[in-house]
């Protein structure tokens, strides 16, 4: 299997290509430019939380790679969730959060959270 993403469709911090299988595979990466291990781990956790809100594993065989950028460890998952929604729309991938009957996201901006209570 080829591990090169040379032929992938690149966007800011996101790379997509058709995979060889039927399952979607997701890779999260944070380089040392992000900071020490604590910041890199936080960046991966925040990215995972944002992606889990939008990615349905049954969208077909894609390989998706998300690369943390400098601001990622300082973002909340709801902020990154908005970016992920835009990236999915640009890539033409189905968004689990926009499907009918989808449960509301666990991470909601503080202003929206106060309005709902």
N, C-alpha and C. Protein backbone atom coordinates (compact mmCIF):
# COMPACT_ATOMS: atom_id res chain seq x y z
N UNK A 1 0.84 -1.17 0.00
CA UNK A 1 0.00 0.00 0.00
C UNK A 1 0.89 1.24 0.00
N UNK A 2 0.47 2.23 -0.74
CA UNK A 2 1.25 3.45 -0.85
C UNK A 2 0.93 4.39 0.32
N UNK A 3 1.96 4.88 0.98
CA UNK A 3 1.78 5.80 2.10
C UNK A 3 1.95 7.25 1.69
N UNK A 4 2.29 7.52 0.45
CA UNK A 4 2.53 8.88 0.00
C UNK A 4 1.22 9.62 -0.24
N UNK A 5 1.18 10.86 0.20
CA UNK A 5 0.02 11.71 -0.06
C UNK A 5 0.36 12.72 -1.15
N UNK A 6 1.26 12.34 -2.07
CA UNK A 6 1.68 13.26 -3.12
C UNK A 6 0.52 13.63 -4.03
N UNK A 7 -0.41 12.71 -4.26
CA UNK A 7 -1.53 12.98 -5.16
C UNK A 7 -2.80 13.38 -4.45
N UNK A 8 -2.71 13.83 -3.23
CA UNK A 8 -3.92 14.14 -2.47
C UNK A 8 -4.39 15.57 -2.72
N UNK A 9 -5.63 15.83 -2.40
CA UNK A 9 -6.18 17.17 -2.49
C UNK A 9 -5.89 17.87 -1.18
N UNK A 10 -5.07 18.92 -1.22
CA UNK A 10 -4.63 19.59 -0.01
C UNK A 10 -5.43 20.86 0.24
N UNK A 11 -5.71 21.08 1.50
CA UNK A 11 -6.31 22.32 1.96
C UNK A 11 -5.54 22.72 3.21
N UNK A 12 -5.88 23.84 3.77
CA UNK A 12 -5.17 24.33 4.96
C UNK A 12 -5.32 23.33 6.10
N UNK A 13 -4.28 22.59 6.38
CA UNK A 13 -4.29 21.65 7.49
C UNK A 13 -5.08 20.38 7.25
N UNK A 14 -5.41 20.08 5.98
CA UNK A 14 -6.28 18.94 5.69
C UNK A 14 -5.87 18.35 4.35
N UNK A 15 -5.80 17.04 4.26
CA UNK A 15 -5.45 16.37 3.02
C UNK A 15 -6.39 15.18 2.84
N UNK A 16 -6.92 15.03 1.64
CA UNK A 16 -7.89 13.97 1.36
C UNK A 16 -7.49 13.25 0.09
N UNK A 17 -7.65 11.93 0.09
CA UNK A 17 -7.48 11.16 -1.14
C UNK A 17 -8.36 9.92 -1.04
N UNK A 18 -8.80 9.40 -2.18
CA UNK A 18 -9.55 8.15 -2.13
C UNK A 18 -8.66 7.04 -1.62
N UNK A 19 -9.17 6.25 -0.68
CA UNK A 19 -8.40 5.16 -0.12
C UNK A 19 -8.58 3.89 -0.91
N UNK A 20 -7.87 2.87 -0.51
CA UNK A 20 -7.93 1.61 -1.23
C UNK A 20 -9.01 0.68 -0.69
N UNK A 21 -9.51 0.95 0.51
CA UNK A 21 -10.50 0.08 1.11
C UNK A 21 -11.89 0.70 1.13
N UNK A 22 -12.75 0.13 1.95
CA UNK A 22 -14.12 0.64 2.06
C UNK A 22 -14.32 1.48 3.31
N UNK A 23 -13.35 1.47 4.20
CA UNK A 23 -13.46 2.26 5.43
C UNK A 23 -12.68 3.55 5.29
N UNK A 24 -13.15 4.56 6.00
CA UNK A 24 -12.45 5.83 6.04
C UNK A 24 -11.41 5.79 7.14
N UNK A 25 -10.19 6.20 6.79
CA UNK A 25 -9.12 6.24 7.76
C UNK A 25 -8.76 7.70 8.02
N UNK A 26 -8.51 8.02 9.29
CA UNK A 26 -8.21 9.39 9.69
C UNK A 26 -6.86 9.42 10.39
N UNK A 27 -6.05 10.37 10.00
CA UNK A 27 -4.76 10.57 10.65
C UNK A 27 -4.70 11.98 11.24
N UNK A 28 -4.21 12.09 12.44
CA UNK A 28 -4.04 13.38 13.11
C UNK A 28 -2.56 13.55 13.40
N UNK A 29 -2.02 14.70 13.06
CA UNK A 29 -0.61 14.91 13.31
C UNK A 29 -0.37 16.31 13.84
N UNK A 30 0.58 16.40 14.73
CA UNK A 30 1.01 17.69 15.30
C UNK A 30 2.53 17.63 15.41
N UNK A 31 3.20 18.52 14.72
CA UNK A 31 4.66 18.51 14.72
C UNK A 31 5.21 19.27 15.93
N UNK A 32 6.51 19.24 16.08
CA UNK A 32 7.15 19.93 17.20
C UNK A 32 7.04 21.44 17.08
N UNK A 33 6.67 21.95 15.91
CA UNK A 33 6.44 23.39 15.74
C UNK A 33 5.27 23.85 16.61
N UNK A 34 4.35 22.94 16.93
CA UNK A 34 3.18 23.27 17.75
C UNK A 34 3.60 23.56 19.18
N UNK A 35 4.58 22.85 19.67
CA UNK A 35 5.05 23.05 21.04
C UNK A 35 5.51 21.73 21.63
N UNK A 36 5.57 21.71 22.94
CA UNK A 36 5.99 20.50 23.64
C UNK A 36 4.88 19.46 23.61
N UNK A 37 5.13 18.32 24.20
CA UNK A 37 4.21 17.19 24.13
C UNK A 37 2.81 17.52 24.63
N UNK A 38 2.71 18.33 25.67
CA UNK A 38 1.39 18.68 26.22
C UNK A 38 0.58 19.44 25.18
N UNK A 39 1.20 20.41 24.50
CA UNK A 39 0.48 21.17 23.48
C UNK A 39 0.14 20.30 22.28
N UNK A 40 1.04 19.43 21.89
CA UNK A 40 0.76 18.55 20.75
C UNK A 40 -0.38 17.59 21.07
N UNK A 41 -0.39 17.03 22.28
CA UNK A 41 -1.47 16.13 22.67
C UNK A 41 -2.80 16.87 22.75
N UNK A 42 -2.79 18.10 23.27
CA UNK A 42 -4.02 18.89 23.32
C UNK A 42 -4.52 19.18 21.91
N UNK A 43 -3.62 19.50 21.00
CA UNK A 43 -4.02 19.77 19.62
C UNK A 43 -4.69 18.55 19.01
N UNK A 44 -4.12 17.37 19.23
CA UNK A 44 -4.73 16.14 18.70
C UNK A 44 -6.08 15.85 19.34
N UNK A 45 -6.20 16.09 20.66
CA UNK A 45 -7.50 15.87 21.35
C UNK A 45 -8.57 16.80 20.81
N UNK A 46 -8.22 18.06 20.63
CA UNK A 46 -9.19 19.05 20.13
C UNK A 46 -9.59 18.70 18.70
N UNK A 47 -8.62 18.31 17.88
CA UNK A 47 -8.96 17.92 16.51
C UNK A 47 -9.86 16.69 16.50
N UNK A 48 -9.56 15.71 17.33
CA UNK A 48 -10.38 14.50 17.38
C UNK A 48 -11.81 14.81 17.79
N UNK A 49 -11.99 15.67 18.80
CA UNK A 49 -13.34 16.03 19.25
C UNK A 49 -14.12 16.73 18.14
N UNK A 50 -13.46 17.63 17.42
CA UNK A 50 -14.14 18.35 16.34
C UNK A 50 -14.47 17.42 15.18
N UNK A 51 -13.57 16.53 14.85
CA UNK A 51 -13.79 15.62 13.73
C UNK A 51 -14.89 14.62 14.05
N UNK A 52 -14.94 14.13 15.29
CA UNK A 52 -15.95 13.15 15.68
C UNK A 52 -17.37 13.69 15.51
N UNK A 53 -17.54 15.00 15.63
CA UNK A 53 -18.87 15.59 15.45
C UNK A 53 -19.32 15.54 14.00
N UNK A 54 -18.39 15.53 13.07
CA UNK A 54 -18.73 15.66 11.66
C UNK A 54 -18.50 14.42 10.82
N UNK A 55 -17.63 13.54 11.24
CA UNK A 55 -17.24 12.41 10.39
C UNK A 55 -18.05 11.18 10.71
N UNK A 56 -18.72 10.68 9.69
CA UNK A 56 -19.38 9.38 9.77
C UNK A 56 -18.44 8.40 9.10
N UNK A 57 -18.07 7.33 9.78
CA UNK A 57 -17.08 6.39 9.25
C UNK A 57 -17.56 5.65 8.01
N UNK A 58 -18.84 5.75 7.68
CA UNK A 58 -19.39 5.01 6.54
C UNK A 58 -19.51 5.88 5.29
N UNK A 59 -18.59 6.80 5.07
CA UNK A 59 -18.69 7.67 3.89
C UNK A 59 -17.94 7.09 2.70
N UNK A 60 -17.37 5.95 2.84
CA UNK A 60 -16.61 5.35 1.75
C UNK A 60 -15.14 5.29 2.11
N UNK A 61 -14.35 4.84 1.18
CA UNK A 61 -12.93 4.66 1.45
C UNK A 61 -12.12 5.90 1.17
N UNK A 62 -11.92 6.71 2.17
CA UNK A 62 -11.08 7.89 2.06
C UNK A 62 -9.96 7.80 3.09
N UNK A 63 -8.86 8.40 2.76
CA UNK A 63 -7.78 8.61 3.72
C UNK A 63 -7.76 10.11 3.99
N UNK A 64 -7.98 10.49 5.23
CA UNK A 64 -8.01 11.90 5.62
C UNK A 64 -6.87 12.15 6.60
N UNK A 65 -6.13 13.21 6.37
CA UNK A 65 -5.04 13.59 7.27
C UNK A 65 -5.28 15.03 7.71
N UNK A 66 -5.31 15.24 9.02
CA UNK A 66 -5.47 16.56 9.59
C UNK A 66 -4.15 16.95 10.25
N UNK A 67 -3.66 18.13 9.91
CA UNK A 67 -2.38 18.62 10.43
C UNK A 67 -2.66 19.81 11.33
N UNK A 68 -2.20 19.73 12.57
CA UNK A 68 -2.40 20.84 13.51
C UNK A 68 -1.55 22.02 13.08
N UNK A 69 -2.12 23.20 13.23
CA UNK A 69 -1.41 24.44 12.94
C UNK A 69 -1.10 25.14 14.25
N UNK A 70 -0.43 26.26 14.20
CA UNK A 70 0.05 26.94 15.40
C UNK A 70 -1.01 27.30 16.42
N UNK A 71 -2.21 27.68 15.98
CA UNK A 71 -3.27 28.09 16.90
C UNK A 71 -4.08 26.91 17.44
N UNK A 72 -3.93 25.75 16.87
CA UNK A 72 -4.80 24.61 17.22
C UNK A 72 -4.84 24.30 18.71
N UNK A 73 -3.72 24.26 19.45
CA UNK A 73 -3.81 23.93 20.88
C UNK A 73 -4.55 24.98 21.70
N UNK A 74 -4.65 26.20 21.16
CA UNK A 74 -5.31 27.27 21.90
C UNK A 74 -6.79 27.40 21.56
N UNK A 75 -7.27 26.62 20.60
CA UNK A 75 -8.67 26.68 20.19
C UNK A 75 -9.52 25.74 21.04
N UNK A 76 -10.78 26.07 21.17
CA UNK A 76 -11.76 25.17 21.77
C UNK A 76 -12.27 24.26 20.65
N UNK A 77 -12.81 23.11 21.02
CA UNK A 77 -13.24 22.17 19.98
C UNK A 77 -14.41 22.72 19.17
N UNK A 78 -15.27 23.57 19.75
CA UNK A 78 -16.37 24.13 18.96
C UNK A 78 -15.84 25.10 17.91
N UNK A 79 -14.73 25.79 18.21
CA UNK A 79 -14.14 26.69 17.21
C UNK A 79 -13.55 25.88 16.05
N UNK A 80 -12.87 24.82 16.38
CA UNK A 80 -12.29 23.97 15.35
C UNK A 80 -13.37 23.21 14.59
N UNK A 81 -14.49 22.93 15.25
CA UNK A 81 -15.60 22.23 14.61
C UNK A 81 -16.15 23.03 13.43
N UNK A 82 -16.19 24.35 13.57
CA UNK A 82 -16.65 25.20 12.46
C UNK A 82 -15.70 25.10 11.27
N UNK A 83 -14.42 25.02 11.54
CA UNK A 83 -13.42 24.89 10.47
C UNK A 83 -13.56 23.54 9.79
N UNK A 84 -13.76 22.49 10.58
CA UNK A 84 -13.92 21.14 10.01
C UNK A 84 -15.16 21.08 9.13
N UNK A 85 -16.24 21.72 9.54
CA UNK A 85 -17.46 21.74 8.73
C UNK A 85 -17.20 22.40 7.38
N UNK A 86 -16.45 23.50 7.38
CA UNK A 86 -16.12 24.18 6.12
C UNK A 86 -15.23 23.30 5.25
N UNK A 87 -14.25 22.63 5.86
CA UNK A 87 -13.36 21.76 5.09
C UNK A 87 -14.12 20.60 4.47
N UNK A 88 -15.05 20.00 5.22
CA UNK A 88 -15.85 18.91 4.68
C UNK A 88 -16.70 19.39 3.52
N UNK A 89 -17.27 20.60 3.64
CA UNK A 89 -18.10 21.14 2.56
C UNK A 89 -17.25 21.38 1.31
N UNK A 90 -16.05 21.94 1.48
CA UNK A 90 -15.16 22.18 0.34
C UNK A 90 -14.74 20.88 -0.32
N UNK A 91 -14.53 19.85 0.48
CA UNK A 91 -14.07 18.57 -0.06
C UNK A 91 -15.22 17.73 -0.63
N UNK A 92 -16.46 18.15 -0.38
CA UNK A 92 -17.60 17.39 -0.87
C UNK A 92 -17.89 16.16 -0.05
N UNK A 93 -17.42 16.12 1.19
CA UNK A 93 -17.67 14.98 2.06
C UNK A 93 -18.98 15.19 2.83
N UNK A 94 -19.73 14.12 3.07
CA UNK A 94 -20.97 14.27 3.85
C UNK A 94 -20.65 14.64 5.29
N UNK A 95 -21.50 15.49 5.85
CA UNK A 95 -21.30 15.99 7.21
C UNK A 95 -22.35 15.36 8.12
N UNK A 96 -21.89 14.58 9.08
CA UNK A 96 -22.80 13.89 10.00
C UNK A 96 -23.64 14.87 10.80
N UNK A 97 -23.10 16.03 11.14
CA UNK A 97 -23.81 17.01 11.96
C UNK A 97 -24.96 17.66 11.20
N UNK A 98 -24.95 17.61 9.86
CA UNK A 98 -26.00 18.26 9.08
C UNK A 98 -27.06 17.28 8.59
N UNK A 99 -26.95 16.01 8.93
CA UNK A 99 -27.93 15.03 8.51
C UNK A 99 -29.20 15.17 9.34
N UNK A 100 -30.36 14.87 8.76
CA UNK A 100 -31.60 14.94 9.54
C UNK A 100 -31.57 13.93 10.69
N UNK A 101 -32.03 14.35 11.84
CA UNK A 101 -32.07 13.49 13.01
C UNK A 101 -30.74 13.39 13.73
N UNK A 102 -29.77 14.20 13.33
CA UNK A 102 -28.46 14.17 13.99
C UNK A 102 -28.57 14.81 15.36
N UNK A 103 -27.91 14.22 16.33
CA UNK A 103 -27.94 14.80 17.67
C UNK A 103 -27.13 16.09 17.69
N UNK A 104 -27.49 17.03 18.55
CA UNK A 104 -26.73 18.28 18.59
C UNK A 104 -25.31 18.03 19.05
N UNK A 105 -24.38 18.86 18.61
CA UNK A 105 -22.98 18.63 18.98
C UNK A 105 -22.78 18.79 20.48
N UNK A 106 -21.84 18.02 20.99
CA UNK A 106 -21.54 18.08 22.42
C UNK A 106 -20.83 19.37 22.78
N UNK A 107 -20.13 19.91 21.82
CA UNK A 107 -19.40 21.15 22.07
C UNK A 107 -20.15 22.29 21.40
N UNK A 108 -20.68 23.18 22.18
CA UNK A 108 -21.47 24.30 21.69
C UNK A 108 -20.81 25.58 22.17
N UNK A 109 -20.79 26.62 21.32
CA UNK A 109 -20.21 27.89 21.78
C UNK A 109 -20.91 28.38 23.04
N UNK A 110 -20.19 29.03 23.95
CA UNK A 110 -20.78 29.48 25.21
C UNK A 110 -22.01 30.35 25.04
N UNK A 111 -22.06 31.24 24.04
CA UNK A 111 -23.23 32.10 23.83
C UNK A 111 -24.45 31.26 23.45
N UNK A 112 -24.27 30.25 22.60
CA UNK A 112 -25.38 29.38 22.21
C UNK A 112 -25.84 28.52 23.38
N UNK A 113 -24.90 28.09 24.21
CA UNK A 113 -25.23 27.24 25.35
C UNK A 113 -26.14 28.01 26.32
N UNK A 114 -25.83 29.29 26.57
CA UNK A 114 -26.63 30.09 27.49
C UNK A 114 -28.02 30.35 26.91
N UNK A 115 -28.12 30.51 25.61
CA UNK A 115 -29.41 30.78 24.98
C UNK A 115 -30.32 29.55 25.01
N UNK A 116 -29.74 28.36 24.98
CA UNK A 116 -30.54 27.14 24.96
C UNK A 116 -31.08 26.75 26.33
N UNK A 117 -30.47 27.31 27.39
CA UNK A 117 -30.90 26.93 28.74
C UNK A 117 -32.04 27.78 29.22
